[in-house]
PDB file of N, CA and C in Angstrom:
ATOM      1  N   MET A   1      83.768  27.769  91.573  1.00  0.00           N
ATOM      2  CA  MET A   1      84.525  27.049  90.729  1.00  0.00           C
ATOM      3  C   MET A   1      83.508  26.317  90.157  1.00  0.00           C
ATOM      4  N   PHE A   2      82.810  25.585  91.115  1.00  0.00           N
ATOM      5  CA  PHE A   2      81.290  24.681  90.912  1.00  0.00           C
ATOM      6  C   PHE A   2      80.441  25.524  89.528  1.00  0.00           C
ATOM      7  N   MET A   3      79.947  26.516  90.139  1.00  0.00           N
ATOM      8  CA  MET A   3      79.426  27.067  88.573  1.00  0.00           C
ATOM      9  C   MET A   3      79.941  27.285  87.546  1.00  0.00           C
ATOM     10  N   ALA A   4      81.180  27.476  87.367  1.00  0.00           N
ATOM     11  CA  ALA A   4      81.081  27.268  86.238  1.00  0.00           C
ATOM     12  C   ALA A   4      81.492  26.088  85.653  1.00  0.00           C
ATOM     13  N   TYR A   5      82.231  24.573  86.569  1.00  0.00           N
ATOM     14  CA  TYR A   5      81.852  23.492  86.505  1.00  0.00           C
ATOM     15  C   TYR A   5      80.629  23.087  85.019  1.00  0.00           C
ATOM     16  N   ALA A   6      79.039  23.871  86.469  1.00  0.00           N
ATOM     17  CA  ALA A   6      77.718  23.401  85.900  1.00  0.00           C
ATOM     18  C   ALA A   6      77.790  24.042  85.096  1.00  0.00           C
ATOM     19  N   ASN A   7      78.024  25.394  84.294  1.00  0.00           N
ATOM     20  CA  ASN A   7      77.825  25.751  83.073  1.00  0.00           C
ATOM     21  C   ASN A   7      78.782  25.115  81.799  1.00  0.00           C
ATOM     22  N   ALA A   8      79.691  25.051  82.253  1.00  0.00           N
ATOM     23  CA  ALA A   8      80.784  24.658  80.796  1.00  0.00           C
ATOM     24  C   ALA A   8      80.086  23.054  80.551  1.00  0.00           C
ATOM     25  N   LEU A   9      79.346  22.331  81.913  1.00  0.00           N
ATOM     26  CA  LEU A   9      78.395  21.142  81.202  1.00  0.00           C
ATOM     27  C   LEU A   9      77.535  21.135  80.445  1.00  0.00           C
ATOM     28  N   ILE A  10      77.002  22.469  80.638  1.00  0.00           N
ATOM     29  CA  ILE A  10      75.628  22.524  80.003  1.00  0.00           C
ATOM     30  C   ILE A  10      76.150  23.617  78.964  1.00  0.00           C
ATOM     31  N   ASN A  11      77.192  23.465  78.050  1.00  0.00           N
ATOM     32  CA  ASN A  11      77.824  24.344  77.257  1.00  0.00           C
ATOM     33  C   ASN A  11      77.377  25.909  77.087  1.00  0.00           C
ATOM     34  N   LYS A  12      77.600  26.133  78.351  1.00  0.00           N
ATOM     35  CA  LYS A  12      77.374  28.269  78.587  1.00  0.00           C
ATOM     36  C   LYS A  12      78.922  28.435  78.761  1.00  0.00           C
ATOM     37  N   LYS A  13      78.985  28.347  77.503  1.00  0.00           N
ATOM     38  CA  LYS A  13      80.608  29.297  77.324  1.00  0.00           C
ATOM     39  C   LYS A  13      81.283  29.922  78.461  1.00  0.00           C
ATOM     40  N   GLU A  14      80.803  31.161  77.681  1.00  0.00           N
ATOM     41  CA  GLU A  14      81.236  32.643  78.639  1.00  0.00           C
ATOM     42  C   GLU A  14      80.723  32.337  79.808  1.00  0.00           C
ATOM     43  N   GLU A  15      79.670  31.709  79.984  1.00  0.00           N
ATOM     44  CA  GLU A  15      79.053  32.223  81.391  1.00  0.00           C
ATOM     45  C   GLU A  15      80.423  31.255  82.648  1.00  0.00           C
ATOM     46  N   ALA A  16      80.165  30.450  81.831  1.00  0.00           N
ATOM     47  CA  ALA A  16      81.731  29.391  82.601  1.00  0.00           C
ATOM     48  C   ALA A  16      82.947  29.950  83.281  1.00  0.00           C
ATOM     49  N   VAL A  17      83.230  30.752  81.932  1.00  0.00           N
ATOM     50  CA  VAL A  17      84.912  31.695  82.259  1.00  0.00           C
ATOM     51  C   VAL A  17      84.349  32.935  82.807  1.00  0.00           C
ATOM     52  N   ASN A  18      82.815  33.403  83.303  1.00  0.00           N
ATOM     53  CA  ASN A  18      82.587  34.560  84.220  1.00  0.00           C
ATOM     54  C   ASN A  18      83.033  34.078  85.243  1.00  0.00           C
ATOM     55  N   TRP A  19      82.804  32.698  85.783  1.00  0.00           N
ATOM     56  CA  TRP A  19      82.677  32.728  86.859  1.00  0.00           C
ATOM     57  C   TRP A  19      84.102  32.204  87.459  1.00  0.00           C
ATOM     58  N   LEU A  20      84.721  31.355  86.015  1.00  0.00           N
ATOM     59  CA  LEU A  20      85.926  31.542  86.245  1.00  0.00           C
ATOM     60  C   LEU A  20      86.842  32.863  87.064  1.00  0.00           C
ATOM     61  N   ASN A  21      86.935  33.935  86.437  1.00  0.00           N
ATOM     62  CA  ASN A  21      87.425  34.699  86.773  1.00  0.00           C
ATOM     63  C   ASN A  21      86.953  35.300  88.164  1.00  0.00           C
ATOM     64  N   LYS A  22      85.820  35.358  88.373  1.00  0.00           N
ATOM     65  CA  LYS A  22      84.749  35.697  89.645  1.00  0.00           C
ATOM     66  C   LYS A  22      85.799  34.573  91.032  1.00  0.00           C
ATOM     67  N   SER A  23      86.011  33.292  90.507  1.00  0.00           N
ATOM     68  CA  SER A  23      87.112  32.882  91.441  1.00  0.00           C
ATOM     69  C   SER A  23      88.036  33.530  91.507  1.00  0.00           C
ATOM     70  N   LEU A  24      89.161  33.879  90.547  1.00  0.00           N
ATOM     71  CA  LEU A  24      89.904  35.168  90.939  1.00  0.00           C
ATOM     72  C   LEU A  24      89.767  36.245  91.648  1.00  0.00           C
ATOM     73  N   ASP A  25      88.790  36.835  91.488  1.00  0.00           N
ATOM     74  CA  ASP A  25      88.578  37.824  92.085  1.00  0.00           C
ATOM     75  C   ASP A  25      88.621  37.200  94.272  1.00  0.00           C
ATOM     76  N   PHE A  26      88.399  36.312  94.401  1.00  0.00           N
ATOM     77  CA  PHE A  26      87.853  35.962  95.762  1.00  0.00           C
ATOM     78  C   PHE A  26      89.321  34.783  96.406  1.00  0.00           C
ATOM     79  N   GLY A  27      90.224  35.256  94.970  1.00  0.00           N
ATOM     80  CA  GLY A  27      91.876  34.810  95.793  1.00  0.00           C
ATOM     81  C   GLY A  27      91.798  33.094  94.965  1.00  0.00           C
ATOM     82  N   TYR A  28      91.150  32.292  94.251  1.00  0.00           N
ATOM     83  CA  TYR A  28      91.212  31.107  94.341  1.00  0.00           C
ATOM     84  C   TYR A  28      92.113  30.865  92.698  1.00  0.00           C
ATOM     85  N   ALA A  29      92.955  30.522  92.877  1.00  0.00           N
ATOM     86  CA  ALA A  29      93.763  29.984  91.838  1.00  0.00           C
ATOM     87  C   ALA A  29      94.124  29.074  91.876  1.00  0.00           C
ATOM     88  N   PRO A  30      93.448  27.845  91.429  1.00  0.00           N
ATOM     89  CA  PRO A  30      94.011  26.161  91.657  1.00  0.00           C
ATOM     90  C   PRO A  30      94.325  25.797  90.430  1.00  0.00           C
ATOM     91  N   TYR A  31      95.671  26.198  89.807  1.00  0.00           N
ATOM     92  CA  TYR A  31      96.265  26.083  88.801  1.00  0.00           C
ATOM     93  C   TYR A  31      96.461  24.762  88.463  1.00  0.00           C
ATOM     94  N   PRO A  32      96.960  23.742  89.697  1.00  0.00           N
ATOM     95  CA  PRO A  32      97.197  21.760  89.229  1.00  0.00           C
ATOM     96  C   PRO A  32      96.108  21.661  89.345  1.00  0.00           C
ATOM     97  N   PHE A  33      94.869  21.634  89.885  1.00  0.00           N
ATOM     98  CA  PHE A  33      93.630  21.509  90.012  1.00  0.00           C
ATOM     99  C   PHE A  33      92.872  21.753  88.258  1.00  0.00           C
ATOM    100  N   ILE A  34      93.108  22.733  88.048  1.00  0.00           N
ATOM    101  CA  ILE A  34      92.616  23.296  86.368  1.00  0.00           C
ATOM    102  C   ILE A  34      92.929  23.083  85.142  1.00  0.00           C
ATOM    103  N   SER A  35      94.130  23.145  85.303  1.00  0.00           N
ATOM    104  CA  SER A  35      94.640  22.297  84.394  1.00  0.00           C
ATOM    105  C   SER A  35      95.084  21.233  83.752  1.00  0.00           C
ATOM    106  N   LYS A  36      94.154  19.911  85.108  1.00  0.00           N
ATOM    107  CA  LYS A  36      93.911  18.404  84.366  1.00  0.00           C
ATOM    108  C   LYS A  36      92.459  18.330  84.598  1.00  0.00           C
ATOM    109  N   LEU A  37      92.164  19.299  84.807  1.00  0.00           N
ATOM    110  CA  LEU A  37      90.355  18.918  84.579  1.00  0.00           C
ATOM    111  C   LEU A  37      89.859  19.469  83.096  1.00  0.00           C
ATOM    112  N   GLU A  38      89.672  17.779  82.758  1.00  0.00           N
ATOM    113  CA  GLU A  38      89.198  18.005  81.203  1.00  0.00           C
ATOM    114  C   GLU A  38      87.876  18.588  80.826  1.00  0.00           C
ATOM    115  N   THR A  39      86.748  18.431  81.634  1.00  0.00           N
ATOM    116  CA  THR A  39      85.473  19.009  81.319  1.00  0.00           C
ATOM    117  C   THR A  39      86.330  20.370  80.642  1.00  0.00           C
ATOM    118  N   PHE A  40      86.278  20.659  81.443  1.00  0.00           N
ATOM    119  CA  PHE A  40      87.389  22.941  80.969  1.00  0.00           C
ATOM    120  C   PHE A  40      87.789  22.841  79.895  1.00  0.00           C
ATOM    121  N   HIS A  41      88.642  22.233  79.382  1.00  0.00           N
ATOM    122  CA  HIS A  41      89.629  22.111  77.978  1.00  0.00           C
ATOM    123  C   HIS A  41      88.757  21.283  77.067  1.00  0.00           C
ATOM    124  N   LYS A  42      87.514  20.713  77.093  1.00  0.00           N
ATOM    125  CA  LYS A  42      86.974  19.767  76.102  1.00  0.00           C
ATOM    126  C   LYS A  42      85.801  21.308  76.444  1.00  0.00           C
ATOM    127  N   VAL A  43      85.342  21.727  76.974  1.00  0.00           N
ATOM    128  CA  VAL A  43      84.083  22.181  76.495  1.00  0.00           C
ATOM    129  C   VAL A  43      84.713  24.228  75.747  1.00  0.00           C
ATOM    130  N   LEU A  44      86.158  24.905  76.240  1.00  0.00           N
ATOM    131  CA  LEU A  44      86.146  25.859  76.752  1.00  0.00           C
ATOM    132  C   LEU A  44      87.245  26.047  75.950  1.00  0.00           C
ATOM    133  N   LYS A  45      87.922  25.515  75.027  1.00  0.00           N
ATOM    134  CA  LYS A  45      89.213  24.901  74.147  1.00  0.00           C
ATOM    135  C   LYS A  45      89.070  26.578  73.240  1.00  0.00           C
ATOM    136  N   ASP A  46      88.192  26.747  72.796  1.00  0.00           N
ATOM    137  CA  ASP A  46      88.127  27.677  71.837  1.00  0.00           C
ATOM    138  C   ASP A  46      88.069  29.273  72.028  1.00  0.00           C
ATOM    139  N   GLU A  47      87.651  29.180  73.446  1.00  0.00           N
ATOM    140  CA  GLU A  47      87.276  29.940  74.016  1.00  0.00           C
ATOM    141  C   GLU A  47      88.311  31.299  74.601  1.00  0.00           C
ATOM    142  N   LYS A  48      88.961  32.293  74.223  1.00  0.00           N
ATOM    143  CA  LYS A  48      89.879  33.476  74.225  1.00  0.00           C
ATOM    144  C   LYS A  48      89.517  33.621  75.328  1.00  0.00           C
ATOM    145  N   GLY A  49      88.619  33.997  76.554  1.00  0.00           N
ATOM    146  CA  GLY A  49      88.819  34.509  78.234  1.00  0.00           C
ATOM    147  C   GLY A  49      89.100  33.036  78.824  1.00  0.00           C
ATOM    148  N   PHE A  50      89.287  31.790  78.259  1.00  0.00           N
ATOM    149  CA  PHE A  50      89.209  30.597  79.135  1.00  0.00           C
ATOM    150  C   PHE A  50      91.022  30.372  78.725  1.00  0.00           C
ATOM    151  N   HIS A  51      91.463  30.775  78.501  1.00  0.00           N
ATOM    152  CA  HIS A  51      92.937  31.142  77.944  1.00  0.00           C
ATOM    153  C   HIS A  51      93.737  31.715  78.530  1.00  0.00           C
ATOM    154  N   GLU A  52      93.258  33.708  78.418  1.00  0.00           N
ATOM    155  CA  GLU A  52      93.417  34.263  79.681  1.00  0.00           C
ATOM    156  C   GLU A  52      93.645  33.984  80.438  1.00  0.00           C
ATOM    157  N   TYR A  53      92.344  33.250  81.663  1.00  0.00           N
ATOM    158  CA  TYR A  53      92.259  32.758  82.610  1.00  0.00           C
ATOM    159  C   TYR A  53      92.988  32.360  83.306  1.00  0.00           C
ATOM    160  N   LEU A  54      93.793  30.776  82.137  1.00  0.00           N
ATOM    161  CA  LEU A  54      94.456  29.557  82.563  1.00  0.00           C
ATOM    162  C   LEU A  54      96.005  30.941  82.681  1.00  0.00           C
ATOM    163  N   ASN A  55      96.405  31.538  82.025  1.00  0.00           N
ATOM    164  CA  ASN A  55      97.604  32.199  81.911  1.00  0.00           C
ATOM    165  C   ASN A  55      97.409  32.747  83.161  1.00  0.00           C
ATOM    166  N   LYS A  56      96.200  33.367  84.112  1.00  0.00           N
ATOM    167  CA  LYS A  56      96.067  33.901  85.170  1.00  0.00           C
ATOM    168  C   LYS A  56      96.582  33.410  86.415  1.00  0.00           C
ATOM    169  N   VAL A  57      96.156  32.441  86.335  1.00  0.00           N
ATOM    170  CA  VAL A  57      95.895  31.167  87.382  1.00  0.00           C
ATOM    171  C   VAL A  57      97.767  31.253  87.434  1.00  0.00           C
ATOM    172  N   LYS A  58      97.949  30.829  86.437  1.00  0.00           N
ATOM    173  CA  LYS A  58      99.200  30.117  86.080  1.00  0.00           C
ATOM    174  C   LYS A  58     100.353  30.896  86.760  1.00  0.00           C
ATOM    175  N   LYS A  59     100.403  32.130  86.169  1.00  0.00           N
ATOM    176  CA  LYS A  59     101.128  33.315  86.555  1.00  0.00           C
ATOM    177  C   LYS A  59     100.863  33.050  88.320  1.00  0.00           C
ATOM    178  N   ARG A  60      99.581  33.552  88.782  1.00  0.00           N
ATOM    179  CA  ARG A  60      99.117  33.392  90.770  1.00  0.00           C
ATOM    180  C   ARG A  60      99.903  32.044  90.994  1.00  0.00           C
ATOM    181  N   ALA A  61      99.753  30.604  90.269  1.00  0.00           N
ATOM    182  CA  ALA A  61     100.567  29.592  90.851  1.00  0.00           C
ATOM    183  C   ALA A  61     101.687  30.032  90.992  1.00  0.00           C
ATOM    184  N   GLU A  62     102.748  30.582  90.115  1.00  0.00           N
ATOM    185  CA  GLU A  62     104.087  30.221  90.266  1.00  0.00           C
ATOM    186  C   GLU A  62     104.585  31.835  91.088  1.00  0.00           C
ATOM    187  N   GLU A  63     103.464  32.664  91.637  1.00  0.00           N
ATOM    188  CA  GLU A  63     104.471  33.143  92.201  1.00  0.00           C
ATOM    189  C   GLU A  63     103.601  33.183  93.640  1.00  0.00           C
ATOM    190  N   PHE A  64     103.108  32.025  93.800  1.00  0.00           N
ATOM    191  CA  PHE A  64     102.693  31.756  95.150  1.00  0.00           C
ATOM    192  C   PHE A  64     104.009  32.053  96.271  1.00  0.00           C
ATOM    193  N   VAL A  65     104.417  32.502  97.077  1.00  0.00           N
ATOM    194  CA  VAL A  65     105.376  32.194  98.634  1.00  0.00           C
ATOM    195  C   VAL A  65     104.364  31.903  99.012  1.00  0.00           C
ATOM    196  N   VAL A  66     105.015  30.517 100.124  1.00  0.00           N
ATOM    197  CA  VAL A  66     105.219  30.542 101.674  1.00  0.00           C
ATOM    198  C   VAL A  66     106.086  30.478 102.747  1.00  0.00           C
ATOM    199  N   ASP A  67     105.867  31.636 103.173  1.00  0.00           N
ATOM    200  CA  ASP A  67     107.493  31.430 104.350  1.00  0.00           C
ATOM    201  C   ASP A  67     107.440  31.090 105.598  1.00  0.00           C
TER     202      ASP A  67
END
Protein backbone atom coordinates (compact mmCIF):
# COMPACT_ATOMS: atom_id res chain seq x y z
CA MET A 1 0.00 0.00 0.00
CA PHE A 2 2.85 2.37 0.82
CA MET A 3 4.41 1.88 -2.61
CA ALA A 4 1.05 2.45 -4.29
CA TYR A 5 0.52 5.62 -2.28
CA ALA A 6 4.01 6.91 -3.06
CA ASN A 7 3.57 6.28 -6.79
CA ALA A 8 0.18 7.99 -6.75
CA LEU A 9 1.76 11.05 -5.13
CA ILE A 10 4.32 11.35 -7.94
CA ASN A 11 1.64 10.75 -10.57
CA LYS A 12 2.86 7.31 -11.68
CA LYS A 13 -0.66 6.01 -12.12
CA GLU A 14 -0.02 2.63 -13.73
CA GLU A 15 2.66 1.80 -11.18
CA ALA A 16 0.33 2.80 -8.33
CA VAL A 17 -2.40 0.49 -9.63
CA ASN A 18 0.19 -2.27 -10.07
CA TRP A 19 1.20 -1.99 -6.40
CA LEU A 20 -2.43 -1.95 -5.29
CA ASN A 21 -2.99 -5.20 -7.14
CA LYS A 22 0.16 -6.67 -5.59
CA SER A 23 -1.33 -5.97 -2.17
CA LEU A 24 -4.33 -8.10 -3.18
CA ASP A 25 -1.98 -10.96 -4.05
CA PHE A 26 -0.94 -10.97 -0.40
CA GLY A 27 -4.54 -10.91 0.83
CA TYR A 28 -4.57 -7.26 1.85
CA ALA A 29 -7.99 -5.80 1.03
CA PRO A 30 -8.65 -2.71 3.15
CA TYR A 31 -11.87 -1.51 1.53
CA PRO A 32 -13.03 0.88 4.29
CA PHE A 33 -9.58 2.51 4.33
CA ILE A 34 -9.03 2.71 0.59
CA SER A 35 -12.54 3.95 -0.14
CA LYS A 36 -11.90 7.03 2.03
CA LEU A 37 -8.32 7.81 1.04
CA GLU A 38 -8.67 10.88 -1.17
CA THR A 39 -5.20 10.80 -2.69
CA PHE A 40 -5.93 7.61 -4.61
CA HIS A 41 -9.30 8.87 -5.77
CA LYS A 42 -7.96 12.24 -6.94
CA VAL A 43 -4.98 10.83 -8.82
CA LEU A 44 -6.37 7.53 -10.08
CA LYS A 45 -10.00 8.46 -10.77
CA ASP A 46 -9.55 8.04 -14.54
CA GLU A 47 -7.59 4.77 -14.34
CA LYS A 48 -9.63 1.73 -15.36
CA GLY A 49 -7.37 -0.53 -13.30
CA PHE A 50 -8.08 1.48 -10.15
CA HIS A 51 -11.83 0.97 -10.49
CA GLU A 52 -11.32 -2.74 -11.12
CA TYR A 53 -9.16 -2.87 -7.98
CA LEU A 54 -11.86 -1.11 -5.94
CA ASN A 55 -14.46 -3.60 -7.12
CA LYS A 56 -12.22 -6.55 -6.16
CA VAL A 57 -11.47 -5.07 -2.73
CA LYS A 58 -15.12 -4.29 -2.06
CA LYS A 59 -16.14 -7.83 -3.02
CA ARG A 60 -13.51 -9.36 -0.72
CA ALA A 61 -14.61 -7.11 2.14
CA GLU A 62 -18.26 -8.08 1.65
CA GLU A 63 -17.39 -11.79 1.54
CA PHE A 64 -15.16 -11.68 4.62
CA VAL A 65 -16.60 -13.79 7.43
CA VAL A 66 -15.32 -14.29 10.94
CA ASP A 67 -16.51 -17.46 12.64
